[in-house]
Amino acid sequence: MRLLRASECASIPLECTFRPGRAGPTVLCLLLWGLLAVPVLARADLQRLASSIPWFAWVLAGPLFAIALLLGVLVLHGTAEFAVNAWRKSAWIAATSWDGVYLNLRSWQNAHFPDDGPTVAFVPWTELDSVHVVVERVDPGTTRSAPSSRKWIALALRGVDTRELERRLHAEAARPGPERRWCGISMRSRYHHTPVIVPKAGVVQVEWTTAGFLRELALRVQASPTPELTRIAEPARSLEERVAELVQRGDPLSAVELARRAGGLSLLEAKELVERVGRRAA
Protein backbone atom coordinates (compact mmCIF):
# COMPACT_ATOMS: atom_id res chain seq x y z
CA MET A 1 0.00 0.00 0.00
CA ARG A 2 1.17 3.50 -0.83
CA LEU A 3 -0.20 6.90 0.19
CA LEU A 4 -0.22 9.53 -2.57
CA ARG A 5 -1.17 13.13 -3.08
CA ALA A 6 -4.16 13.79 -5.29
CA SER A 7 -1.94 15.60 -7.80
CA GLU A 8 0.20 12.47 -8.22
CA CYS A 9 -2.83 10.57 -9.52
CA ALA A 10 -3.59 13.02 -12.32
CA SER A 11 -1.34 11.25 -14.85
CA ILE A 12 -2.29 7.68 -13.87
CA PRO A 13 -4.41 5.87 -16.49
CA LEU A 14 -7.52 4.67 -14.67
CA GLU A 15 -9.88 2.01 -15.98
CA CYS A 16 -13.00 2.81 -13.93
CA THR A 17 -13.81 5.67 -11.58
CA PHE A 18 -16.63 5.44 -9.06
CA ARG A 19 -18.22 8.69 -7.94
CA PRO A 20 -20.89 9.74 -5.42
CA GLY A 21 -24.40 10.44 -6.58
CA ARG A 22 -24.84 13.82 -8.21
CA ALA A 23 -28.62 13.89 -8.52
CA GLY A 24 -29.32 14.49 -4.82
CA PRO A 25 -27.09 17.58 -4.33
CA THR A 26 -28.20 19.02 -7.68
CA VAL A 27 -31.93 18.61 -7.00
CA LEU A 28 -31.57 20.03 -3.47
CA CYS A 29 -29.75 23.07 -4.85
CA LEU A 30 -32.36 23.67 -7.54
CA LEU A 31 -35.23 23.37 -5.05
CA LEU A 32 -33.76 25.84 -2.55
CA TRP A 33 -32.67 28.33 -5.17
CA GLY A 34 -36.06 27.95 -6.82
CA LEU A 35 -37.64 29.36 -3.67
CA LEU A 36 -36.18 32.73 -4.67
CA ALA A 37 -38.84 32.90 -7.36
CA VAL A 38 -41.61 33.06 -4.72
CA PRO A 39 -40.97 36.67 -3.56
CA VAL A 40 -40.53 37.73 -7.20
CA LEU A 41 -43.88 36.27 -8.24
CA ALA A 42 -45.66 37.54 -5.13
CA ARG A 43 -43.94 40.93 -4.95
CA ALA A 44 -47.22 42.88 -5.23
CA ASP A 45 -48.74 41.07 -2.24
CA LEU A 46 -45.52 41.44 -0.27
CA GLN A 47 -45.44 45.18 -0.96
CA ARG A 48 -49.00 45.58 0.35
CA LEU A 49 -48.13 43.53 3.41
CA ALA A 50 -45.01 45.59 4.08
CA SER A 51 -46.89 48.89 3.77
CA SER A 52 -49.47 47.73 6.32
CA ILE A 53 -46.85 47.10 9.02
CA PRO A 54 -46.21 50.13 11.29
CA TRP A 55 -42.75 51.68 11.28
CA PHE A 56 -41.94 50.79 14.90
CA ALA A 57 -42.51 47.10 14.09
CA TRP A 58 -39.88 47.37 11.37
CA VAL A 59 -37.47 48.92 13.90
CA LEU A 60 -38.01 46.04 16.32
CA ALA A 61 -38.00 43.29 13.70
CA GLY A 62 -35.24 44.79 11.54
CA PRO A 63 -32.28 43.07 13.27
CA LEU A 64 -34.07 39.71 13.29
CA PHE A 65 -34.92 40.10 9.62
CA ALA A 66 -31.29 40.94 8.82
CA ILE A 67 -30.05 37.86 10.71
CA ALA A 68 -32.59 35.63 8.96
CA LEU A 69 -31.56 37.07 5.60
CA LEU A 70 -27.88 36.43 6.33
CA LEU A 71 -28.60 32.84 7.40
CA GLY A 72 -30.62 32.31 4.22
CA VAL A 73 -27.76 33.60 2.08
CA LEU A 74 -25.30 31.29 3.87
CA VAL A 75 -27.60 28.29 3.36
CA LEU A 76 -28.00 29.07 -0.34
CA HIS A 77 -24.25 29.52 -0.73
CA GLY A 78 -23.52 26.24 1.09
CA THR A 79 -26.10 24.36 -0.98
CA ALA A 80 -24.65 25.71 -4.22
CA GLU A 81 -21.12 24.75 -3.15
CA PHE A 82 -22.37 21.27 -2.19
CA ALA A 83 -23.87 20.77 -5.65
CA VAL A 84 -20.85 22.19 -7.48
CA ASN A 85 -18.48 19.92 -5.53
CA ALA A 86 -20.48 16.88 -6.63
CA TRP A 87 -19.64 17.71 -10.26
CA ARG A 88 -15.94 18.41 -9.73
CA LYS A 89 -13.28 16.13 -11.16
CA SER A 90 -12.10 15.53 -7.59
CA ALA A 91 -15.50 14.07 -6.64
CA TRP A 92 -14.61 10.39 -6.65
CA ILE A 93 -14.42 7.71 -3.99
CA ALA A 94 -12.61 4.81 -5.65
CA ALA A 95 -10.93 4.00 -8.95
CA THR A 96 -9.32 0.95 -10.51
CA SER A 97 -6.33 0.52 -12.79
CA TRP A 98 -4.45 -2.43 -14.27
CA ASP A 99 -2.26 -2.77 -11.16
CA GLY A 100 -4.59 -1.95 -8.26
CA VAL A 101 -7.32 0.14 -6.70
CA TYR A 102 -7.15 3.79 -5.61
CA LEU A 103 -9.15 5.04 -2.61
CA ASN A 104 -9.88 8.73 -2.03
CA LEU A 105 -9.37 9.39 1.68
CA ARG A 106 -10.68 12.96 1.45
CA SER A 107 -14.38 13.63 1.21
CA TRP A 108 -15.42 15.07 -2.13
CA GLN A 109 -17.41 17.60 -0.10
CA ASN A 110 -14.12 19.10 1.16
CA ALA A 111 -12.83 20.01 -2.30
CA HIS A 112 -11.71 23.41 -0.94
CA PHE A 113 -8.97 21.78 1.17
CA PRO A 114 -5.40 22.30 -0.14
CA ASP A 115 -3.46 19.44 -1.75
CA ASP A 116 -0.69 19.54 0.85
CA GLY A 117 -0.47 15.89 1.89
CA PRO A 118 -1.37 12.32 0.97
CA THR A 119 -5.11 11.86 0.50
CA VAL A 120 -5.16 8.82 -1.80
CA ALA A 121 -4.37 5.22 -0.86
CA PHE A 122 -3.16 2.83 -3.57
CA VAL A 123 -3.68 -0.90 -2.93
CA PRO A 124 -2.07 -3.27 -5.48
CA TRP A 125 -4.16 -6.24 -6.54
CA THR A 126 -1.50 -8.52 -5.05
CA GLU A 127 -2.22 -7.09 -1.58
CA LEU A 128 -5.99 -7.45 -1.84
CA ASP A 129 -7.21 -10.77 -0.44
CA SER A 130 -11.02 -10.52 -0.66
CA VAL A 131 -13.92 -8.06 -0.61
CA HIS A 132 -17.43 -8.16 0.79
CA VAL A 133 -20.35 -5.85 1.55
CA VAL A 134 -20.85 -4.51 5.08
CA VAL A 135 -24.09 -2.97 6.31
CA GLU A 136 -23.67 -1.08 9.57
CA ARG A 137 -26.72 -0.35 11.66
CA VAL A 138 -26.91 2.17 14.47
CA ASP A 139 -28.97 1.26 17.52
CA PRO A 140 -32.28 3.20 17.25
CA GLY A 141 -31.90 4.55 20.78
CA THR A 142 -28.40 5.90 20.18
CA THR A 143 -29.09 9.26 18.54
CA ARG A 144 -31.78 10.97 16.53
CA SER A 145 -29.40 12.43 13.93
CA ALA A 146 -27.27 9.41 13.00
CA PRO A 147 -28.36 7.50 9.88
CA SER A 148 -30.05 4.20 10.75
CA SER A 149 -27.70 2.27 8.45
CA ARG A 150 -24.71 2.78 6.19
CA LYS A 151 -23.33 0.53 3.47
CA TRP A 152 -19.65 -0.15 2.82
CA ILE A 153 -17.39 -2.38 0.75
CA ALA A 154 -14.80 -4.03 3.01
CA LEU A 155 -11.37 -4.77 1.53
CA ALA A 156 -9.45 -7.48 3.39
CA LEU A 157 -5.75 -6.91 2.79
CA ARG A 158 -2.99 -9.51 2.70
CA GLY A 159 0.06 -8.81 4.87
CA VAL A 160 -0.45 -5.02 4.91
CA ASP A 161 0.17 -2.79 7.93
CA THR A 162 -2.75 -0.34 7.97
CA ARG A 163 -1.56 1.75 10.93
CA GLU A 164 -0.12 4.54 8.78
CA LEU A 165 -3.36 4.71 6.79
CA GLU A 166 -5.37 4.84 10.01
CA ARG A 167 -3.23 7.70 11.34
CA ARG A 168 -3.72 9.60 8.09
CA LEU A 169 -7.49 9.14 8.24
CA HIS A 170 -7.63 10.39 11.83
CA ALA A 171 -5.52 13.43 10.90
CA GLU A 172 -7.82 14.22 7.98
CA ALA A 173 -10.92 13.88 10.17
CA ALA A 174 -9.51 16.19 12.85
CA ARG A 175 -8.24 18.81 10.42
CA PRO A 176 -10.04 22.19 10.52
CA GLY A 177 -11.22 23.70 7.29
CA PRO A 178 -9.03 26.33 5.60
CA GLU A 179 -9.89 29.95 6.29
CA ARG A 180 -11.90 31.58 3.52
CA ARG A 181 -13.52 34.97 3.02
CA TRP A 182 -16.97 35.36 1.52
CA CYS A 183 -18.84 38.66 1.31
CA GLY A 184 -16.35 40.14 3.77
CA ILE A 185 -16.95 37.32 6.28
CA SER A 186 -13.97 35.23 7.40
CA MET A 187 -14.91 31.63 8.12
CA ARG A 188 -13.67 28.06 8.28
CA SER A 189 -15.88 25.31 6.95
CA ARG A 190 -15.59 21.56 6.53
CA TYR A 191 -17.97 18.67 5.97
CA HIS A 192 -17.88 15.76 8.41
CA HIS A 193 -18.05 13.03 5.80
CA THR A 194 -15.71 10.03 5.84
CA PRO A 195 -15.56 7.87 2.69
CA VAL A 196 -12.86 5.47 3.98
CA ILE A 197 -12.28 3.97 7.45
CA VAL A 198 -10.10 1.27 9.01
CA PRO A 199 -12.42 -0.65 11.37
CA LYS A 200 -9.66 -3.10 12.34
CA ALA A 201 -6.11 -3.97 11.38
CA GLY A 202 -5.81 -5.27 7.83
CA VAL A 203 -9.32 -4.23 6.77
CA VAL A 204 -10.30 -1.06 4.92
CA GLN A 205 -13.94 -0.07 4.41
CA VAL A 206 -14.93 2.13 1.47
CA GLU A 207 -18.25 3.92 1.27
CA TRP A 208 -20.70 2.18 -1.06
CA THR A 209 -21.16 3.98 -4.37
CA THR A 210 -22.66 1.55 -6.88
CA ALA A 211 -22.78 -2.20 -7.41
CA GLY A 212 -20.40 -1.62 -10.31
CA PHE A 213 -17.48 -1.14 -7.92
CA LEU A 214 -18.12 -4.53 -6.31
CA ARG A 215 -18.42 -6.17 -9.75
CA GLU A 216 -15.14 -4.58 -10.86
CA LEU A 217 -13.37 -5.86 -7.74
CA ALA A 218 -14.89 -9.32 -8.23
CA LEU A 219 -13.07 -9.59 -11.57
CA ARG A 220 -9.72 -9.50 -9.74
CA VAL A 221 -10.29 -10.93 -6.24
CA GLN A 222 -12.67 -13.15 -4.32
CA ALA A 223 -15.90 -11.29 -3.58
CA SER A 224 -18.87 -12.27 -1.44
CA PRO A 225 -22.25 -10.78 -2.42
CA THR A 226 -23.80 -11.65 0.97
CA PRO A 227 -23.83 -8.55 3.20
CA GLU A 228 -22.23 -8.72 6.62
CA LEU A 229 -24.45 -7.02 9.20
CA THR A 230 -22.73 -5.16 12.03
CA ARG A 231 -24.00 -2.89 14.77
CA ILE A 232 -22.45 0.46 15.67
CA ALA A 233 -22.48 2.11 19.10
CA GLU A 234 -24.20 -0.81 20.82
CA PRO A 235 -25.44 -0.02 24.35
CA ALA A 236 -23.46 -2.99 25.73
CA ARG A 237 -20.18 -1.16 25.01
CA SER A 238 -18.68 1.64 27.07
CA LEU A 239 -19.68 5.20 26.30
CA GLU A 240 -16.21 6.13 25.01
CA GLU A 241 -16.16 3.13 22.65
CA ARG A 242 -19.56 4.08 21.25
CA VAL A 243 -18.51 7.71 20.83
CA ALA A 244 -15.26 6.63 19.14
CA GLU A 245 -17.15 4.56 16.56
CA LEU A 246 -19.29 7.53 15.56
CA VAL A 247 -16.30 9.89 15.46
CA GLN A 248 -14.35 7.44 13.30
CA ARG A 249 -17.19 7.41 10.79
CA GLY A 250 -17.22 11.19 10.50
CA ASP A 251 -20.30 11.89 12.63
CA PRO A 252 -19.19 14.05 15.59
CA LEU A 253 -22.62 15.66 15.97
CA SER A 254 -24.22 12.27 16.64
CA ALA A 255 -21.33 11.47 18.99
CA VAL A 256 -22.07 14.62 21.01
CA GLU A 257 -25.77 13.76 21.11
CA LEU A 258 -24.96 10.22 22.25
CA ALA A 259 -22.70 11.51 25.02
CA ARG A 260 -25.47 13.80 26.26
CA ARG A 261 -28.27 11.24 26.10
CA ALA A 262 -26.45 8.12 27.26
CA GLY A 263 -23.90 9.74 29.56
CA GLY A 264 -26.05 12.52 31.01
CA LEU A 265 -23.37 15.08 30.14
CA SER A 266 -23.83 18.77 29.50
CA LEU A 267 -23.22 20.11 26.01
CA LEU A 268 -19.76 21.38 26.99
CA GLU A 269 -18.82 18.09 28.67
CA ALA A 270 -20.05 16.10 25.67
CA LYS A 271 -18.00 18.21 23.25
CA GLU A 272 -14.91 17.79 25.44
CA LEU A 273 -15.41 14.00 25.47
CA VAL A 274 -15.75 13.86 21.68
CA GLU A 275 -12.65 16.03 21.21
CA ARG A 276 -10.68 13.91 23.67
CA VAL A 277 -11.68 10.70 21.90
CA GLY A 278 -10.75 12.24 18.54
CA ARG A 279 -7.31 13.34 19.78
CA ARG A 280 -6.65 9.93 21.28
CA ALA A 281 -7.48 8.24 17.97
CA ALA A 282 -5.19 10.62 16.07
Foldseek 3Di string as FASTA:
>chain_A
DDFDFPVVCPPPDFDDFFFADLVVLVVVLCVLVVVVVVCVVCVVVVVVVVVVDDPVVCVVCVVVVVVVVVVSVVVSVLSVLQNVLRPDPPGTAKTHDPFFIKGFFAHSSQPVADRPDGGIDTDGLVFWAEKEKAKEAEDPPQFDPDDRIFIWIKTQTHPDFCPVVQVVSLCNLPDWADWDADPNDIDTDDALAGQWFDPDTRMIIGGDHDCVVQVVSVVRYHYDHDYDYHYALDPVDDLLRNLLRCSRRRHNVSNLRSCCPVVVDDSVVSVVSSVVSSVVSD
